PDB file of N, CA and C in Angstrom:
ATOM      1  N   MET A   1       0.833  -1.175   0.000  1.00  0.00           N
ATOM      2  CA  MET A   1       0.000   0.000   0.000  1.00  0.00           C
ATOM      3  C   MET A   1       0.885   1.248   0.000  1.00  0.00           C
ATOM      4  N   PHE A   2       0.549   2.180  -0.866  1.00  0.00           N
ATOM      5  CA  PHE A   2       1.349   3.391  -1.063  1.00  0.00           C
ATOM      6  C   PHE A   2       1.504   4.205   0.209  1.00  0.00           C
ATOM      7  N   TYR A   3       0.411   4.411   0.938  1.00  0.00           N
ATOM      8  CA  TYR A   3       0.448   5.317   2.080  1.00  0.00           C
ATOM      9  C   TYR A   3       1.320   4.788   3.227  1.00  0.00           C
ATOM     10  N   ARG A   4       1.636   3.511   3.242  1.00  0.00           N
ATOM     11  CA  ARG A   4       2.481   2.969   4.316  1.00  0.00           C
ATOM     12  C   ARG A   4       3.964   3.232   4.074  1.00  0.00           C
ATOM     13  N   GLY A   5       4.343   3.566   2.858  1.00  0.00           N
ATOM     14  CA  GLY A   5       5.749   3.791   2.571  1.00  0.00           C
ATOM     15  C   GLY A   5       6.039   5.120   1.912  1.00  0.00           C
ATOM     16  N   ARG A   6       5.082   6.031   1.931  1.00  0.00           N
ATOM     17  CA  ARG A   6       5.268   7.294   1.218  1.00  0.00           C
ATOM     18  C   ARG A   6       6.339   8.184   1.831  1.00  0.00           C
ATOM     19  N   HIS A   7       6.730   7.900   3.074  1.00  0.00           N
ATOM     20  CA  HIS A   7       7.773   8.688   3.738  1.00  0.00           C
ATOM     21  C   HIS A   7       9.178   8.258   3.328  1.00  0.00           C
ATOM     22  N   GLU A   8       9.323   7.105   2.731  1.00  0.00           N
ATOM     23  CA  GLU A   8      10.638   6.542   2.437  1.00  0.00           C
ATOM     24  C   GLU A   8      11.522   7.467   1.609  1.00  0.00           C
ATOM     25  N   GLU A   9      10.969   8.131   0.594  1.00  0.00           N
ATOM     26  CA  GLU A   9      11.796   8.987  -0.254  1.00  0.00           C
ATOM     27  C   GLU A   9      12.229  10.275   0.453  1.00  0.00           C
ATOM     28  N   PHE A  10      11.619  10.579   1.597  1.00  0.00           N
ATOM     29  CA  PHE A  10      11.952  11.801   2.329  1.00  0.00           C
ATOM     30  C   PHE A  10      12.815  11.572   3.565  1.00  0.00           C
ATOM     31  N   LYS A  11      12.930  10.351   4.046  1.00  0.00           N
ATOM     32  CA  LYS A  11      13.564  10.127   5.342  1.00  0.00           C
ATOM     33  C   LYS A  11      15.036  10.515   5.381  1.00  0.00           C
ATOM     34  N   ASP A  12      15.735  10.494   4.267  1.00  0.00           N
ATOM     35  CA  ASP A  12      17.142  10.890   4.260  1.00  0.00           C
ATOM     36  C   ASP A  12      17.327  12.401   4.388  1.00  0.00           C
ATOM     37  N   PHE A  13      16.261  13.166   4.201  1.00  0.00           N
ATOM     38  CA  PHE A  13      16.330  14.624   4.284  1.00  0.00           C
ATOM     39  C   PHE A  13      16.020  15.143   5.682  1.00  0.00           C
ATOM     40  N   PHE A  14      15.758  14.223   6.619  1.00  0.00           N
ATOM     41  CA  PHE A  14      15.412  14.611   7.984  1.00  0.00           C
ATOM     42  C   PHE A  14      16.351  13.948   8.980  1.00  0.00           C
ATOM     43  N   SER A  15      16.613  14.650  10.069  1.00  0.00           N
ATOM     44  CA  SER A  15      17.467  14.140  11.142  1.00  0.00           C
ATOM     45  C   SER A  15      16.743  14.315  12.476  1.00  0.00           C
ATOM     46  N   GLN A  16      17.222  13.587  13.483  1.00  0.00           N
ATOM     47  CA  GLN A  16      16.647  13.728  14.818  1.00  0.00           C
ATOM     48  C   GLN A  16      17.771  13.894  15.824  1.00  0.00           C
ATOM     49  N   GLU A  17      17.646  14.928  16.655  1.00  0.00           N
ATOM     50  CA  GLU A  17      18.600  15.180  17.728  1.00  0.00           C
ATOM     51  C   GLU A  17      17.847  15.700  18.946  1.00  0.00           C
ATOM     52  N   ASP A  18      18.085  15.110  20.080  1.00  0.00           N
ATOM     53  CA  ASP A  18      17.486  15.548  21.349  1.00  0.00           C
ATOM     54  C   ASP A  18      15.971  15.695  21.265  1.00  0.00           C
ATOM     55  N   GLY A  19      15.297  14.760  20.603  1.00  0.00           N
ATOM     56  CA  GLY A  19      13.838  14.788  20.520  1.00  0.00           C
ATOM     57  C   GLY A  19      13.259  15.715  19.476  1.00  0.00           C
ATOM     58  N   ILE A  20      14.109  16.379  18.702  1.00  0.00           N
ATOM     59  CA  ILE A  20      13.631  17.284  17.655  1.00  0.00           C
ATOM     60  C   ILE A  20      13.937  16.673  16.297  1.00  0.00           C
ATOM     61  N   VAL A  21      12.933  16.564  15.463  1.00  0.00           N
ATOM     62  CA  VAL A  21      13.101  16.090  14.092  1.00  0.00           C
ATOM     63  C   VAL A  21      13.120  17.316  13.196  1.00  0.00           C
ATOM     64  N   PHE A  22      14.141  17.416  12.338  1.00  0.00           N
ATOM     65  CA  PHE A  22      14.260  18.596  11.493  1.00  0.00           C
ATOM     66  C   PHE A  22      14.740  18.234  10.094  1.00  0.00           C
ATOM     67  N   CYS A  23      14.402  19.087   9.153  1.00  0.00           N
ATOM     68  CA  CYS A  23      14.818  18.911   7.767  1.00  0.00           C
ATOM     69  C   CYS A  23      16.253  19.396   7.628  1.00  0.00           C
ATOM     70  N   ASN A  24      17.118  18.542   7.091  1.00  0.00           N
ATOM     71  CA  ASN A  24      18.511  18.917   6.932  1.00  0.00           C
ATOM     72  C   ASN A  24      18.872  19.274   5.492  1.00  0.00           C
ATOM     73  N   ASP A  25      17.886  19.216   4.584  1.00  0.00           N
ATOM     74  CA  ASP A  25      18.131  19.536   3.178  1.00  0.00           C
ATOM     75  C   ASP A  25      16.837  20.022   2.512  1.00  0.00           C
ATOM     76  N   VAL A  26      16.484  21.271   2.754  1.00  0.00           N
ATOM     77  CA  VAL A  26      15.231  21.838   2.244  1.00  0.00           C
ATOM     78  C   VAL A  26      15.200  21.828   0.715  1.00  0.00           C
ATOM     79  N   CYS A  27      16.308  22.132   0.083  1.00  0.00           N
ATOM     80  CA  CYS A  27      16.353  22.178  -1.387  1.00  0.00           C
ATOM     81  C   CYS A  27      15.965  20.833  -2.002  1.00  0.00           C
ATOM     82  N   SER A  28      16.480  19.747  -1.446  1.00  0.00           N
ATOM     83  CA  SER A  28      16.161  18.415  -1.975  1.00  0.00           C
ATOM     84  C   SER A  28      14.702  18.040  -1.735  1.00  0.00           C
ATOM     85  N   VAL A  29      14.162  18.401  -0.574  1.00  0.00           N
ATOM     86  CA  VAL A  29      12.749  18.133  -0.301  1.00  0.00           C
ATOM     87  C   VAL A  29      11.873  18.860  -1.319  1.00  0.00           C
ATOM     88  N   MET A  30      12.188  20.120  -1.576  1.00  0.00           N
ATOM     89  CA  MET A  30      11.411  20.896  -2.542  1.00  0.00           C
ATOM     90  C   MET A  30      11.508  20.272  -3.936  1.00  0.00           C
ATOM     91  N   GLU A  31      12.660  19.757  -4.284  1.00  0.00           N
ATOM     92  CA  GLU A  31      12.846  19.117  -5.582  1.00  0.00           C
ATOM     93  C   GLU A  31      12.007  17.843  -5.694  1.00  0.00           C
ATOM     94  N   VAL A  32      12.004  17.019  -4.646  1.00  0.00           N
ATOM     95  CA  VAL A  32      11.237  15.773  -4.650  1.00  0.00           C
ATOM     96  C   VAL A  32       9.740  16.048  -4.759  1.00  0.00           C
ATOM     97  N   VAL A  33       9.239  17.069  -4.071  1.00  0.00           N
ATOM     98  CA  VAL A  33       7.813  17.371  -4.150  1.00  0.00           C
ATOM     99  C   VAL A  33       7.451  18.129  -5.426  1.00  0.00           C
ATOM    100  N   GLY A  34       8.464  18.462  -6.227  1.00  0.00           N
ATOM    101  CA  GLY A  34       8.205  19.055  -7.544  1.00  0.00           C
ATOM    102  C   GLY A  34       8.029  20.558  -7.547  1.00  0.00           C
ATOM    103  N   HIS A  35       8.653  21.249  -6.593  1.00  0.00           N
ATOM    104  CA  HIS A  35       8.538  22.701  -6.523  1.00  0.00           C
ATOM    105  C   HIS A  35       9.910  23.349  -6.526  1.00  0.00           C
ATOM    106  N   GLU A  36       9.990  24.485  -7.136  1.00  0.00           N
ATOM    107  CA  GLU A  36      11.213  25.263  -7.123  1.00  0.00           C
ATOM    108  C   GLU A  36      11.341  25.966  -5.773  1.00  0.00           C
ATOM    109  N   ARG A  37      12.538  25.995  -5.222  1.00  0.00           N
ATOM    110  CA  ARG A  37      12.756  26.715  -3.960  1.00  0.00           C
ATOM    111  C   ARG A  37      12.911  28.192  -4.279  1.00  0.00           C
ATOM    112  N   ASN A  38      11.838  28.917  -4.094  1.00  0.00           N
ATOM    113  CA  ASN A  38      11.808  30.349  -4.361  1.00  0.00           C
ATOM    114  C   ASN A  38      11.286  31.050  -3.110  1.00  0.00           C
ATOM    115  N   PRO A  39      12.150  31.768  -2.380  1.00  0.00           N
ATOM    116  CA  PRO A  39      11.720  32.416  -1.140  1.00  0.00           C
ATOM    117  C   PRO A  39      10.579  33.416  -1.314  1.00  0.00           C
ATOM    118  N   ASP A  40      10.365  33.929  -2.513  1.00  0.00           N
ATOM    119  CA  ASP A  40       9.253  34.848  -2.744  1.00  0.00           C
ATOM    120  C   ASP A  40       7.910  34.128  -2.781  1.00  0.00           C
ATOM    121  N   LYS A  41       7.919  32.810  -3.008  1.00  0.00           N
ATOM    122  CA  LYS A  41       6.678  32.051  -3.110  1.00  0.00           C
ATOM    123  C   LYS A  41       6.366  31.225  -1.864  1.00  0.00           C
ATOM    124  N   TRP A  42       7.359  31.047  -1.005  1.00  0.00           N
ATOM    125  CA  TRP A  42       7.180  30.240   0.193  1.00  0.00           C
ATOM    126  C   TRP A  42       7.500  31.079   1.424  1.00  0.00           C
ATOM    127  N   ARG A  43       6.808  30.804   2.539  1.00  0.00           N
ATOM    128  CA  ARG A  43       7.077  31.521   3.778  1.00  0.00           C
ATOM    129  C   ARG A  43       7.283  30.519   4.902  1.00  0.00           C
ATOM    130  N   LEU A  44       7.904  30.920   5.948  1.00  0.00           N
ATOM    131  CA  LEU A  44       8.175  30.056   7.082  1.00  0.00           C
ATOM    132  C   LEU A  44       7.094  30.251   8.134  1.00  0.00           C
ATOM    133  N   PHE A  45       6.485  29.153   8.585  1.00  0.00           N
ATOM    134  CA  PHE A  45       5.454  29.213   9.621  1.00  0.00           C
ATOM    135  C   PHE A  45       5.926  28.381  10.805  1.00  0.00           C
ATOM    136  N   ILE A  46       5.970  28.985  11.989  1.00  0.00           N
ATOM    137  CA  ILE A  46       6.396  28.308  13.209  1.00  0.00           C
ATOM    138  C   ILE A  46       5.240  28.321  14.199  1.00  0.00           C
ATOM    139  N   ASP A  47       4.857  27.140  14.683  1.00  0.00           N
ATOM    140  CA  ASP A  47       3.803  27.001  15.684  1.00  0.00           C
ATOM    141  C   ASP A  47       4.430  26.332  16.895  1.00  0.00           C
ATOM    142  N   SER A  48       4.425  27.011  18.015  1.00  0.00           N
ATOM    143  CA  SER A  48       5.028  26.415  19.204  1.00  0.00           C
ATOM    144  C   SER A  48       4.133  26.621  20.421  1.00  0.00           C
ATOM    145  N   SER A  49       4.323  25.763  21.378  1.00  0.00           N
ATOM    146  CA  SER A  49       3.637  25.885  22.660  1.00  0.00           C
ATOM    147  C   SER A  49       4.626  25.425  23.727  1.00  0.00           C
ATOM    148  N   LYS A  50       4.157  25.233  24.935  1.00  0.00           N
ATOM    149  CA  LYS A  50       5.057  24.783  26.005  1.00  0.00           C
ATOM    150  C   LYS A  50       5.497  23.336  25.801  1.00  0.00           C
ATOM    151  N   VAL A  51       4.775  22.575  25.002  1.00  0.00           N
ATOM    152  CA  VAL A  51       5.099  21.146  24.858  1.00  0.00           C
ATOM    153  C   VAL A  51       5.429  20.705  23.431  1.00  0.00           C
ATOM    154  N   SER A  52       5.254  21.543  22.434  1.00  0.00           N
ATOM    155  CA  SER A  52       5.533  21.087  21.071  1.00  0.00           C
ATOM    156  C   SER A  52       6.007  22.230  20.182  1.00  0.00           C
ATOM    157  N   LEU A  53       6.619  21.831  19.071  1.00  0.00           N
ATOM    158  CA  LEU A  53       7.117  22.774  18.073  1.00  0.00           C
ATOM    159  C   LEU A  53       6.865  22.189  16.699  1.00  0.00           C
ATOM    160  N   LYS A  54       6.315  22.985  15.795  1.00  0.00           N
ATOM    161  CA  LYS A  54       6.110  22.576  14.416  1.00  0.00           C
ATOM    162  C   LYS A  54       6.554  23.717  13.511  1.00  0.00           C
ATOM    163  N   VAL A  55       7.305  23.384  12.469  1.00  0.00           N
ATOM    164  CA  VAL A  55       7.742  24.379  11.496  1.00  0.00           C
ATOM    165  C   VAL A  55       7.433  23.827  10.108  1.00  0.00           C
ATOM    166  N   VAL A  56       6.747  24.624   9.285  1.00  0.00           N
ATOM    167  CA  VAL A  56       6.400  24.215   7.925  1.00  0.00           C
ATOM    168  C   VAL A  56       6.667  25.365   6.961  1.00  0.00           C
ATOM    169  N   LEU A  57       6.772  24.999   5.682  1.00  0.00           N
ATOM    170  CA  LEU A  57       6.872  25.995   4.612  1.00  0.00           C
ATOM    171  C   LEU A  57       5.556  25.985   3.841  1.00  0.00           C
ATOM    172  N   PRO A  58       4.629  26.885   4.130  1.00  0.00           N
ATOM    173  CA  PRO A  58       3.420  26.984   3.310  1.00  0.00           C
ATOM    174  C   PRO A  58       3.682  27.881   2.108  1.00  0.00           C
ATOM    175  N   ARG A  59       3.045  27.567   1.007  1.00  0.00           N
ATOM    176  CA  ARG A  59       3.211  28.368  -0.195  1.00  0.00           C
ATOM    177  C   ARG A  59       2.270  29.565  -0.127  1.00  0.00           C
ATOM    178  N   ASN A  60       2.750  30.724  -0.533  1.00  0.00           N
ATOM    179  CA  ASN A  60       1.897  31.916  -0.602  1.00  0.00           C
ATOM    180  C   ASN A  60       0.737  31.631  -1.541  1.00  0.00           C
ATOM    181  N   GLY A  61      -0.469  31.870  -1.088  1.00  0.00           N
ATOM    182  CA  GLY A  61      -1.654  31.648  -1.905  1.00  0.00           C
ATOM    183  C   GLY A  61      -2.324  30.313  -1.682  1.00  0.00           C
ATOM    184  N   ASN A  62      -1.742  29.421  -0.881  1.00  0.00           N
ATOM    185  CA  ASN A  62      -2.338  28.117  -0.554  1.00  0.00           C
ATOM    186  C   ASN A  62      -2.681  27.271  -1.778  1.00  0.00           C
ATOM    187  N   LYS A  63      -1.870  27.342  -2.828  1.00  0.00           N
ATOM    188  CA  LYS A  63      -2.121  26.512  -4.017  1.00  0.00           C
ATOM    189  C   LYS A  63      -1.596  25.092  -3.842  1.00  0.00           C
ATOM    190  N   PHE A  64      -0.611  24.922  -2.961  1.00  0.00           N
ATOM    191  CA  PHE A  64       0.016  23.628  -2.759  1.00  0.00           C
ATOM    192  C   PHE A  64       0.070  23.313  -1.273  1.00  0.00           C
ATOM    193  N   PRO A  65       0.231  22.025  -0.903  1.00  0.00           N
ATOM    194  CA  PRO A  65       0.333  21.688   0.518  1.00  0.00           C
ATOM    195  C   PRO A  65       1.624  22.206   1.137  1.00  0.00           C
ATOM    196  N   SER A  66       1.626  22.363   2.432  1.00  0.00           N
ATOM    197  CA  SER A  66       2.804  22.820   3.160  1.00  0.00           C
ATOM    198  C   SER A  66       3.868  21.727   3.200  1.00  0.00           C
ATOM    199  N   VAL A  67       5.121  22.143   3.325  1.00  0.00           N
ATOM    200  CA  VAL A  67       6.255  21.220   3.431  1.00  0.00           C
ATOM    201  C   VAL A  67       6.737  21.239   4.868  1.00  0.00           C
ATOM    202  N   PRO A  68       6.668  20.086   5.596  1.00  0.00           N
ATOM    203  CA  PRO A  68       7.112  20.071   6.991  1.00  0.00           C
ATOM    204  C   PRO A  68       8.630  20.155   7.092  1.00  0.00           C
ATOM    205  N   LEU A  69       9.117  20.924   8.073  1.00  0.00           N
ATOM    206  CA  LEU A  69      10.557  21.078   8.275  1.00  0.00           C
ATOM    207  C   LEU A  69      11.018  20.591   9.651  1.00  0.00           C
ATOM    208  N   VAL A  70      10.240  20.856  10.702  1.00  0.00           N
ATOM    209  CA  VAL A  70      10.638  20.495  12.061  1.00  0.00           C
ATOM    210  C   VAL A  70       9.413  20.015  12.832  1.00  0.00           C
ATOM    211  N   HIS A  71       9.607  19.006  13.679  1.00  0.00           N
ATOM    212  CA  HIS A  71       8.544  18.579  14.574  1.00  0.00           C
ATOM    213  C   HIS A  71       9.171  18.093  15.866  1.00  0.00           C
ATOM    214  N   ALA A  72       8.690  18.602  16.976  1.00  0.00           N
ATOM    215  CA  ALA A  72       9.139  18.152  18.290  1.00  0.00           C
ATOM    216  C   ALA A  72       7.939  18.120  19.215  1.00  0.00           C
ATOM    217  N   ALA A  73       7.815  17.039  19.961  1.00  0.00           N
ATOM    218  CA  ALA A  73       6.687  16.913  20.891  1.00  0.00           C
ATOM    219  C   ALA A  73       7.213  16.579  22.283  1.00  0.00           C
ATOM    220  N   ASN A  74       6.397  16.877  23.272  1.00  0.00           N
ATOM    221  CA  ASN A  74       6.720  16.566  24.663  1.00  0.00           C
ATOM    222  C   ASN A  74       8.046  17.177  25.120  1.00  0.00           C
ATOM    223  N   MET A  75       8.256  18.424  24.797  1.00  0.00           N
ATOM    224  CA  MET A  75       9.505  19.079  25.204  1.00  0.00           C
ATOM    225  C   MET A  75       9.291  19.845  26.497  1.00  0.00           C
TER     226      MET A  75
END
């Protein structure tokens, strides 16, 4: 089933240290998802609380899904 292994092509672009998972190669992730890395078209969104952190790259205009960059829970 596709949905059980769809993360496989992305796992080399992410690392984990001290409970934080982060993207270590944004350019390659953007290439795999089929988008040009253009800072004028993408913005950085950070959502944090006392227990979690999420960072994504949403595209200006919401034409495409967001690209996850960092996730940390239970911090």
